Amino acid sequence: MNNFFKRGFLVEATGEVYPSSNQSVCQSIEEFISPSQKLEFLSQKKPVTFYLDGILYQAEVNEAQSRGGYFINCTEVKETK
């Protein structure tokens, strides 16, 4: 049976009221990641994509409906071979 649930994590957007620039999205991700993890950005343009410990993720900015503010939804991307 296929796994219908994608793996991922949420990052609270830092700095701006709305993280409009790609640079602010990348900066928020860099601040969230532990120094012991290996982070490599594949694309810093929308959609921001990056490798974290060898796993490909895509980042998308969303509004936090219940409490205001914004978060960055980082979802694992399955690479096709």
PDB file of N, CA and C in Angstrom:
ATOM      1  N   MET A   1       0.842  -1.178   0.000  1.00  0.00           N
ATOM      2  CA  MET A   1       0.000   0.000   0.000  1.00  0.00           C
ATOM      3  C   MET A   1       0.890   1.244   0.000  1.00  0.00           C
ATOM      4  N   ASN A   2       0.526   2.235  -0.771  1.00  0.00           N
ATOM      5  CA  ASN A   2       1.307   3.461  -0.861  1.00  0.00           C
ATOM      6  C   ASN A   2       1.189   4.287   0.404  1.00  0.00           C
ATOM      7  N   ASN A   3       2.248   5.014   0.703  1.00  0.00           N
ATOM      8  CA  ASN A   3       2.224   5.927   1.836  1.00  0.00           C
ATOM      9  C   ASN A   3       1.670   7.263   1.345  1.00  0.00           C
ATOM     10  N   PHE A   4       0.464   7.628   1.794  1.00  0.00           N
ATOM     11  CA  PHE A   4      -0.190   8.840   1.328  1.00  0.00           C
ATOM     12  C   PHE A   4       0.202  10.072   2.122  1.00  0.00           C
ATOM     13  N   PHE A   5       0.926   9.896   3.194  1.00  0.00           N
ATOM     14  CA  PHE A   5       1.300  11.016   4.042  1.00  0.00           C
ATOM     15  C   PHE A   5       2.745  11.416   3.761  1.00  0.00           C
ATOM     16  N   LYS A   6       2.921  12.672   3.409  1.00  0.00           N
ATOM     17  CA  LYS A   6       4.267  13.171   3.167  1.00  0.00           C
ATOM     18  C   LYS A   6       4.896  13.581   4.491  1.00  0.00           C
ATOM     19  N   ARG A   7       6.182  13.405   4.584  1.00  0.00           N
ATOM     20  CA  ARG A   7       6.909  13.828   5.774  1.00  0.00           C
ATOM     21  C   ARG A   7       7.278  15.292   5.627  1.00  0.00           C
ATOM     22  N   GLY A   8       7.372  15.972   6.749  1.00  0.00           N
ATOM     23  CA  GLY A   8       7.744  17.368   6.706  1.00  0.00           C
ATOM     24  C   GLY A   8       7.789  17.979   8.091  1.00  0.00           C
ATOM     25  N   PHE A   9       7.968  19.283   8.126  1.00  0.00           N
ATOM     26  CA  PHE A   9       8.019  20.012   9.380  1.00  0.00           C
ATOM     27  C   PHE A   9       7.631  21.459   9.129  1.00  0.00           C
ATOM     28  N   LEU A  10       7.278  22.154  10.208  1.00  0.00           N
ATOM     29  CA  LEU A  10       6.873  23.548  10.138  1.00  0.00           C
ATOM     30  C   LEU A  10       7.942  24.426  10.767  1.00  0.00           C
ATOM     31  N   VAL A  11       8.169  25.580  10.156  1.00  0.00           N
ATOM     32  CA  VAL A  11       9.121  26.563  10.663  1.00  0.00           C
ATOM     33  C   VAL A  11       8.363  27.871  10.844  1.00  0.00           C
ATOM     34  N   GLU A  12       8.463  28.472  12.018  1.00  0.00           N
ATOM     35  CA  GLU A  12       7.824  29.764  12.220  1.00  0.00           C
ATOM     36  C   GLU A  12       8.622  30.828  11.473  1.00  0.00           C
ATOM     37  N   ALA A  13       7.917  31.638  10.685  1.00  0.00           N
ATOM     38  CA  ALA A  13       8.581  32.692   9.918  1.00  0.00           C
ATOM     39  C   ALA A  13       9.092  33.757  10.879  1.00  0.00           C
ATOM     40  N   THR A  14      10.328  34.163  10.694  1.00  0.00           N
ATOM     41  CA  THR A  14      10.931  35.159  11.575  1.00  0.00           C
ATOM     42  C   THR A  14      11.195  36.442  10.809  1.00  0.00           C
ATOM     43  N   GLY A  15      11.347  37.517  11.545  1.00  0.00           N
ATOM     44  CA  GLY A  15      11.754  38.775  10.925  1.00  0.00           C
ATOM     45  C   GLY A  15      10.596  39.627  10.462  1.00  0.00           C
ATOM     46  N   GLU A  16      10.101  39.360   9.285  1.00  0.00           N
ATOM     47  CA  GLU A  16       9.101  40.215   8.661  1.00  0.00           C
ATOM     48  C   GLU A  16       7.690  39.823   9.090  1.00  0.00           C
ATOM     49  N   VAL A  17       6.760  40.761   8.874  1.00  0.00           N
ATOM     50  CA  VAL A  17       5.355  40.466   9.122  1.00  0.00           C
ATOM     51  C   VAL A  17       4.892  39.380   8.157  1.00  0.00           C
ATOM     52  N   TYR A  18       5.262  39.510   6.885  1.00  0.00           N
ATOM     53  CA  TYR A  18       5.017  38.464   5.889  1.00  0.00           C
ATOM     54  C   TYR A  18       6.334  38.179   5.193  1.00  0.00           C
ATOM     55  N   PRO A  19       6.792  36.952   5.242  1.00  0.00           N
ATOM     56  CA  PRO A  19       8.084  36.631   4.623  1.00  0.00           C
ATOM     57  C   PRO A  19       7.974  36.623   3.103  1.00  0.00           C
ATOM     58  N   SER A  20       7.966  37.817   2.521  1.00  0.00           N
ATOM     59  CA  SER A  20       7.728  37.953   1.089  1.00  0.00           C
ATOM     60  C   SER A  20       8.935  37.579   0.237  1.00  0.00           C
ATOM     61  N   SER A  21      10.112  37.789   0.750  1.00  0.00           N
ATOM     62  CA  SER A  21      11.284  37.509  -0.069  1.00  0.00           C
ATOM     63  C   SER A  21      11.767  36.075   0.137  1.00  0.00           C
ATOM     64  N   ASN A  22      12.334  35.546  -0.917  1.00  0.00           N
ATOM     65  CA  ASN A  22      12.898  34.197  -0.845  1.00  0.00           C
ATOM     66  C   ASN A  22      14.027  34.150   0.173  1.00  0.00           C
ATOM     67  N   GLN A  23      14.769  35.249   0.277  1.00  0.00           N
ATOM     68  CA  GLN A  23      15.888  35.307   1.217  1.00  0.00           C
ATOM     69  C   GLN A  23      15.401  35.161   2.657  1.00  0.00           C
ATOM     70  N   SER A  24      14.261  35.777   2.996  1.00  0.00           N
ATOM     71  CA  SER A  24      13.756  35.670   4.366  1.00  0.00           C
ATOM     72  C   SER A  24      13.250  34.261   4.661  1.00  0.00           C
ATOM     73  N   VAL A  25      12.725  33.576   3.650  1.00  0.00           N
ATOM     74  CA  VAL A  25      12.309  32.183   3.825  1.00  0.00           C
ATOM     75  C   VAL A  25      13.537  31.314   4.102  1.00  0.00           C
ATOM     76  N   CYS A  26      14.584  31.494   3.320  1.00  0.00           N
ATOM     77  CA  CYS A  26      15.819  30.729   3.509  1.00  0.00           C
ATOM     78  C   CYS A  26      16.439  31.018   4.872  1.00  0.00           C
ATOM     79  N   GLN A  27      16.414  32.271   5.282  1.00  0.00           N
ATOM     80  CA  GLN A  27      16.981  32.649   6.568  1.00  0.00           C
ATOM     81  C   GLN A  27      16.213  31.999   7.723  1.00  0.00           C
ATOM     82  N   SER A  28      14.901  31.961   7.641  1.00  0.00           N
ATOM     83  CA  SER A  28      14.095  31.326   8.686  1.00  0.00           C
ATOM     84  C   SER A  28      14.408  29.838   8.784  1.00  0.00           C
ATOM     85  N   ILE A  29      14.589  29.186   7.639  1.00  0.00           N
ATOM     86  CA  ILE A  29      14.932  27.758   7.635  1.00  0.00           C
ATOM     87  C   ILE A  29      16.314  27.549   8.244  1.00  0.00           C
ATOM     88  N   GLU A  30      17.283  28.380   7.871  1.00  0.00           N
ATOM     89  CA  GLU A  30      18.641  28.259   8.417  1.00  0.00           C
ATOM     90  C   GLU A  30      18.654  28.427   9.929  1.00  0.00           C
ATOM     91  N   GLU A  31      17.842  29.351  10.461  1.00  0.00           N
ATOM     92  CA  GLU A  31      17.783  29.576  11.904  1.00  0.00           C
ATOM     93  C   GLU A  31      17.140  28.400  12.634  1.00  0.00           C
ATOM     94  N   PHE A  32      16.234  27.694  11.968  1.00  0.00           N
ATOM     95  CA  PHE A  32      15.516  26.581  12.581  1.00  0.00           C
ATOM     96  C   PHE A  32      16.369  25.311  12.652  1.00  0.00           C
ATOM     97  N   ILE A  33      17.201  25.105  11.645  1.00  0.00           N
ATOM     98  CA  ILE A  33      17.972  23.872  11.514  1.00  0.00           C
ATOM     99  C   ILE A  33      19.117  23.834  12.527  1.00  0.00           C
ATOM    100  N   SER A  34      19.338  22.671  13.093  1.00  0.00           N
ATOM    101  CA  SER A  34      20.437  22.459  14.035  1.00  0.00           C
ATOM    102  C   SER A  34      21.777  22.520  13.292  1.00  0.00           C
ATOM    103  N   PRO A  35      22.814  23.064  13.946  1.00  0.00           N
ATOM    104  CA  PRO A  35      24.138  23.119  13.293  1.00  0.00           C
ATOM    105  C   PRO A  35      24.699  21.739  12.924  1.00  0.00           C
ATOM    106  N   SER A  36      24.224  20.695  13.590  1.00  0.00           N
ATOM    107  CA  SER A  36      24.728  19.351  13.298  1.00  0.00           C
ATOM    108  C   SER A  36      24.079  18.746  12.045  1.00  0.00           C
ATOM    109  N   GLN A  37      23.018  19.389  11.543  1.00  0.00           N
ATOM    110  CA  GLN A  37      22.362  18.895  10.341  1.00  0.00           C
ATOM    111  C   GLN A  37      22.989  19.538   9.107  1.00  0.00           C
ATOM    112  N   LYS A  38      22.989  18.789   8.005  1.00  0.00           N
ATOM    113  CA  LYS A  38      23.567  19.292   6.753  1.00  0.00           C
ATOM    114  C   LYS A  38      22.452  19.896   5.905  1.00  0.00           C
ATOM    115  N   LEU A  39      22.566  21.202   5.647  1.00  0.00           N
ATOM    116  CA  LEU A  39      21.572  21.946   4.865  1.00  0.00           C
ATOM    117  C   LEU A  39      22.214  22.471   3.589  1.00  0.00           C
ATOM    118  N   GLU A  40      21.577  22.180   2.442  1.00  0.00           N
ATOM    119  CA  GLU A  40      22.070  22.671   1.152  1.00  0.00           C
ATOM    120  C   GLU A  40      20.873  23.117   0.315  1.00  0.00           C
ATOM    121  N   PHE A  41      20.838  24.409  -0.035  1.00  0.00           N
ATOM    122  CA  PHE A  41      19.735  24.926  -0.840  1.00  0.00           C
ATOM    123  C   PHE A  41      19.952  24.566  -2.304  1.00  0.00           C
ATOM    124  N   LEU A  42      18.940  23.978  -2.891  1.00  0.00           N
ATOM    125  CA  LEU A  42      18.969  23.630  -4.308  1.00  0.00           C
ATOM    126  C   LEU A  42      18.479  24.814  -5.130  1.00  0.00           C
ATOM    127  N   SER A  43      17.422  25.470  -4.638  1.00  0.00           N
ATOM    128  CA  SER A  43      16.876  26.654  -5.287  1.00  0.00           C
ATOM    129  C   SER A  43      16.428  27.635  -4.213  1.00  0.00           C
ATOM    130  N   GLN A  44      16.858  28.881  -4.330  1.00  0.00           N
ATOM    131  CA  GLN A  44      16.453  29.897  -3.367  1.00  0.00           C
ATOM    132  C   GLN A  44      15.364  30.789  -3.952  1.00  0.00           C
ATOM    133  N   LYS A  45      14.807  30.388  -5.085  1.00  0.00           N
ATOM    134  CA  LYS A  45      13.663  31.070  -5.690  1.00  0.00           C
ATOM    135  C   LYS A  45      12.423  30.229  -5.430  1.00  0.00           C
ATOM    136  N   LYS A  46      11.258  30.867  -5.486  1.00  0.00           N
ATOM    137  CA  LYS A  46      10.019  30.132  -5.210  1.00  0.00           C
ATOM    138  C   LYS A  46       9.756  29.109  -6.299  1.00  0.00           C
ATOM    139  N   PRO A  47       9.451  27.880  -5.948  1.00  0.00           N
ATOM    140  CA  PRO A  47       9.425  27.347  -4.595  1.00  0.00           C
ATOM    141  C   PRO A  47      10.839  27.041  -4.105  1.00  0.00           C
ATOM    142  N   VAL A  48      11.120  27.428  -2.876  1.00  0.00           N
ATOM    143  CA  VAL A  48      12.430  27.168  -2.275  1.00  0.00           C
ATOM    144  C   VAL A  48      12.560  25.661  -2.069  1.00  0.00           C
ATOM    145  N   THR A  49      13.636  25.091  -2.564  1.00  0.00           N
ATOM    146  CA  THR A  49      13.895  23.663  -2.369  1.00  0.00           C
ATOM    147  C   THR A  49      15.277  23.495  -1.763  1.00  0.00           C
ATOM    148  N   PHE A  50      15.400  22.495  -0.903  1.00  0.00           N
ATOM    149  CA  PHE A  50      16.670  22.278  -0.219  1.00  0.00           C
ATOM    150  C   PHE A  50      16.802  20.832   0.206  1.00  0.00           C
ATOM    151  N   TYR A  51      18.054  20.427   0.394  1.00  0.00           N
ATOM    152  CA  TYR A  51      18.364  19.114   0.950  1.00  0.00           C
ATOM    153  C   TYR A  51      18.693  19.295   2.423  1.00  0.00           C
ATOM    154  N   LEU A  52      18.084  18.484   3.250  1.00  0.00           N
ATOM    155  CA  LEU A  52      18.390  18.449   4.675  1.00  0.00           C
ATOM    156  C   LEU A  52      18.768  17.023   5.014  1.00  0.00           C
ATOM    157  N   ASP A  53      20.017  16.821   5.366  1.00  0.00           N
ATOM    158  CA  ASP A  53      20.552  15.485   5.642  1.00  0.00           C
ATOM    159  C   ASP A  53      20.255  14.513   4.501  1.00  0.00           C
ATOM    160  N   GLY A  54      20.394  14.999   3.259  1.00  0.00           N
ATOM    161  CA  GLY A  54      20.233  14.149   2.088  1.00  0.00           C
ATOM    162  C   GLY A  54      18.803  13.942   1.620  1.00  0.00           C
ATOM    163  N   ILE A  55      17.827  14.560   2.267  1.00  0.00           N
ATOM    164  CA  ILE A  55      16.421  14.426   1.892  1.00  0.00           C
ATOM    165  C   ILE A  55      15.955  15.743   1.277  1.00  0.00           C
ATOM    166  N   LEU A  56      15.298  15.672   0.124  1.00  0.00           N
ATOM    167  CA  LEU A  56      14.841  16.854  -0.600  1.00  0.00           C
ATOM    168  C   LEU A  56      13.526  17.366  -0.015  1.00  0.00           C
ATOM    169  N   TYR A  57      13.471  18.687   0.268  1.00  0.00           N
ATOM    170  CA  TYR A  57      12.267  19.340   0.797  1.00  0.00           C
ATOM    171  C   TYR A  57      11.916  20.544  -0.059  1.00  0.00           C
ATOM    172  N   GLN A  58      10.632  20.889  -0.044  1.00  0.00           N
ATOM    173  CA  GLN A  58      10.132  22.090  -0.701  1.00  0.00           C
ATOM    174  C   GLN A  58       9.443  22.939   0.354  1.00  0.00           C
ATOM    175  N   ALA A  59       9.711  24.257   0.349  1.00  0.00           N
ATOM    176  CA  ALA A  59       9.171  25.165   1.360  1.00  0.00           C
ATOM    177  C   ALA A  59       8.091  26.059   0.759  1.00  0.00           C
ATOM    178  N   GLU A  60       7.008  26.230   1.522  1.00  0.00           N
ATOM    179  CA  GLU A  60       5.892  27.071   1.092  1.00  0.00           C
ATOM    180  C   GLU A  60       5.404  27.882   2.291  1.00  0.00           C
ATOM    181  N   VAL A  61       5.167  29.176   2.088  1.00  0.00           N
ATOM    182  CA  VAL A  61       4.715  30.059   3.156  1.00  0.00           C
ATOM    183  C   VAL A  61       3.197  29.973   3.271  1.00  0.00           C
ATOM    184  N   ASN A  62       2.709  29.786   4.509  1.00  0.00           N
ATOM    185  CA  ASN A  62       1.277  29.733   4.784  1.00  0.00           C
ATOM    186  C   ASN A  62       0.949  30.622   5.967  1.00  0.00           C
ATOM    187  N   GLU A  63      -0.308  31.060   6.028  1.00  0.00           N
ATOM    188  CA  GLU A  63      -0.769  31.888   7.139  1.00  0.00           C
ATOM    189  C   GLU A  63      -1.256  30.987   8.266  1.00  0.00           C
ATOM    190  N   ALA A  64      -0.872  31.329   9.496  1.00  0.00           N
ATOM    191  CA  ALA A  64      -1.345  30.600  10.675  1.00  0.00           C
ATOM    192  C   ALA A  64      -2.722  31.163  11.037  1.00  0.00           C
ATOM    193  N   GLN A  65      -3.773  30.467  10.701  1.00  0.00           N
ATOM    194  CA  GLN A  65      -5.136  30.966  10.838  1.00  0.00           C
ATOM    195  C   GLN A  65      -5.542  31.237  12.282  1.00  0.00           C
ATOM    196  N   SER A  66      -5.185  30.377  13.183  1.00  0.00           N
ATOM    197  CA  SER A  66      -5.691  30.484  14.554  1.00  0.00           C
ATOM    198  C   SER A  66      -5.017  31.570  15.384  1.00  0.00           C
ATOM    199  N   ARG A  67      -3.752  31.847  15.136  1.00  0.00           N
ATOM    200  CA  ARG A  67      -3.053  32.799  16.003  1.00  0.00           C
ATOM    201  C   ARG A  67      -2.403  33.949  15.256  1.00  0.00           C
ATOM    202  N   GLY A  68      -2.613  34.014  13.979  1.00  0.00           N
ATOM    203  CA  GLY A  68      -1.985  35.064  13.190  1.00  0.00           C
ATOM    204  C   GLY A  68      -0.531  34.731  12.913  1.00  0.00           C
ATOM    205  N   GLY A  69       0.092  35.514  12.089  1.00  0.00           N
ATOM    206  CA  GLY A  69       1.484  35.272  11.721  1.00  0.00           C
ATOM    207  C   GLY A  69       1.575  34.284  10.569  1.00  0.00           C
ATOM    208  N   TYR A  70       2.787  33.872  10.289  1.00  0.00           N
ATOM    209  CA  TYR A  70       3.034  32.990   9.160  1.00  0.00           C
ATOM    210  C   TYR A  70       3.987  31.874   9.551  1.00  0.00           C
ATOM    211  N   PHE A  71       3.854  30.746   8.848  1.00  0.00           N
ATOM    212  CA  PHE A  71       4.781  29.647   9.040  1.00  0.00           C
ATOM    213  C   PHE A  71       5.204  29.130   7.674  1.00  0.00           C
ATOM    214  N   ILE A  72       6.300  28.410   7.672  1.00  0.00           N
ATOM    215  CA  ILE A  72       6.837  27.845   6.438  1.00  0.00           C
ATOM    216  C   ILE A  72       6.661  26.332   6.527  1.00  0.00           C
ATOM    217  N   ASN A  73       5.906  25.795   5.601  1.00  0.00           N
ATOM    218  CA  ASN A  73       5.642  24.369   5.558  1.00  0.00           C
ATOM    219  C   ASN A  73       6.701  23.707   4.669  1.00  0.00           C
ATOM    220  N   CYS A  74       7.541  22.897   5.272  1.00  0.00           N
ATOM    221  CA  CYS A  74       8.605  22.193   4.548  1.00  0.00           C
ATOM    222  C   CYS A  74       8.165  20.752   4.364  1.00  0.00           C
ATOM    223  N   THR A  75       7.946  20.355   3.110  1.00  0.00           N
ATOM    224  CA  THR A  75       7.416  19.032   2.793  1.00  0.00           C
ATOM    225  C   THR A  75       8.445  18.233   2.004  1.00  0.00           C
ATOM    226  N   GLU A  76       8.594  16.970   2.380  1.00  0.00           N
ATOM    227  CA  GLU A  76       9.517  16.093   1.668  1.00  0.00           C
ATOM    228  C   GLU A  76       9.028  15.876   0.247  1.00  0.00           C
ATOM    229  N   VAL A  77       9.956  15.947  -0.697  1.00  0.00           N
ATOM    230  CA  VAL A  77       9.645  15.726  -2.108  1.00  0.00           C
ATOM    231  C   VAL A  77      10.227  14.379  -2.506  1.00  0.00           C
ATOM    232  N   LYS A  78       9.381  13.535  -3.042  1.00  0.00           N
ATOM    233  CA  LYS A  78       9.864  12.223  -3.521  1.00  0.00           C
ATOM    234  C   LYS A  78      10.513  12.420  -4.878  1.00  0.00           C
ATOM    235  N   GLU A  79      11.768  12.085  -4.959  1.00  0.00           N
ATOM    236  CA  GLU A  79      12.496  12.233  -6.222  1.00  0.00           C
ATOM    237  C   GLU A  79      12.172  11.072  -7.138  1.00  0.00           C
ATOM    238  N   THR A  80      11.899  11.380  -8.390  1.00  0.00           N
ATOM    239  CA  THR A  80      11.633  10.331  -9.369  1.00  0.00           C
ATOM    240  C   THR A  80      12.948   9.981 -10.055  1.00  0.00           C
ATOM    241  N   LYS A  81      13.130   8.724 -10.291  1.00  0.00           N
ATOM    242  CA  LYS A  81      14.390   8.273 -10.912  1.00  0.00           C
ATOM    243  C   LYS A  81      14.129   7.706 -12.269  1.00  0.00           C
TER     244      LYS A  81
END
